[in-house]
C-alpha cells in the first residue's frame, strides 16, 4: 500500500530513476519526497513528474534522508514514499505567504484543515524553515502551529511535522506543493479517518543548572536570566566561552529547557521542551533561540546536549515504538530527525539514525529526513521541539 525508495546520486535524473525503479506502482495516488539540498529542486521535481506524470508530489528539501537502504546528509539523497491505496492516501492542503506572517499563514492552513478533516485526524505538517537564506532568519514553527491551532477552531487533530532545510547550515529551504516548488509555504497532509498514528519522541539533553527566570526577552532573543545577561550566565554555568565569531556555534553545546508538570519530580526527558540557541550577541549579552515561544517569567534550565543520553534515548524509544507495532495494521514509519543530532554536528561516535534504521521493525516501511524543527504531541497539544527525533508509526484503524 505504501512503498519507500532511497537513493543517492549527484545527477537529479539518475537519483530519481534509481528511486522510481524501486516502486512497482505505475501511477501512485501521491508521492511524498524529501531531497538533499545540493540538487536543483525544479530539476528533481521535473524528473519526479516525468516518472509519475499524473501524481502529485509533496515534500521538499531535507538536510538528509533516512531509510532502511541507506541514510546520509551529503545533500545528494532522495527518499520517496508512494501511496497507492486511496483509503490511506492523505489529502495535501497548501498555504503560501509565510513571508507575510507565520501565524497568519498557519491560521489559514488550519482553516483549510478544519474544513477537510474529521475530529482526531492525523496531520503531517511540512514547511519551509528558512525565511531569509544565509542569514539565520527562520520561519518559526511555534508561530505557525499557534496559528494552525487557532484556524482549527477547536477541531482536535493529531499533528506531527517538521521544518524543511537544504543543509545543516540553515542555508535555505523549499517545499514541493504537489505540482511546483514553493518558498515561504507550508503543506498539511490530512490522512483519512482510516489512519491513526502512534508517536515516540527521542531526546538527549540533561539539565546542568537550577531553575532560572527569564527576566528580559524580546521574541526569540533572551537578554536576561535572573536579571543577568543571558550569555554570561550560560558561559558561567558551562565553564567555557561559547560561540564563534558570529556566535552560531553556540547551539552545538547547550539549549534552554522548560520543564512541564511537577518541577520537583525526578528528571524525565519527556517533561522538557528544549530550545536550541541559534545565535548569540556578545555586545548585548543575549542569545537568540530557534523559537519565540518562551515568555518573560518562564522558569528554564540550561540543558547540556548529551550524546550518550541521546543514543540511549534512541534505543529506548525505538524499543517502545516496536512494542506498539502490529504488523497487521501498521502502514509506515516516519522519522523526523533534528539535523543537529547527526554526528557531523553533535560529535556523537555513532549516528543515531543508524540505530533507528538497525533496530526498527523492518516489516513496516520507513521514510525519514533531517529537519530544522520537529513537531509532535506534547501534553495533549502538539508543539515544536528542538534536538529531538520524532518517530511516528501510521496504522490503519
Foldseek 3Di string as FASTA:
>chain_A
DKDKFKDFDLDLLVRLCRRLVRDPDQAFQEKEKEAALSDDVQSNLVNNCVSHVPHFYWYWYFQKWFFLVDIDRPSRMMMMMGHHDPQWFFDKDKFADLLVPLLQRLLVSLLVCLVPAAAAWEKEKEAKFANDFPPLHGSAPQSSQNSSVVNNVPRHYFYKYFYHANHPVRRTIWIRRRRGIGHRMMMMGTTHPQKHKDKFKFAFKDFQFDWWFQADDDQQKGQDTNRHGPQVVVCVSVVHRAADPFAQLRQLWKWKWAFDDDPPDPDDPLRIFTWGWGTADVVRSITGTSGRPDDGGGIIGIITGHLVSRLVSLVVRLVVVQVPDDLVWWEEKEKEAANCQACVNNVHPDGSSVVNSVRHDVSYTYIYGHGNWIWGDRPNGIDIGHRMMMIMIMTGD
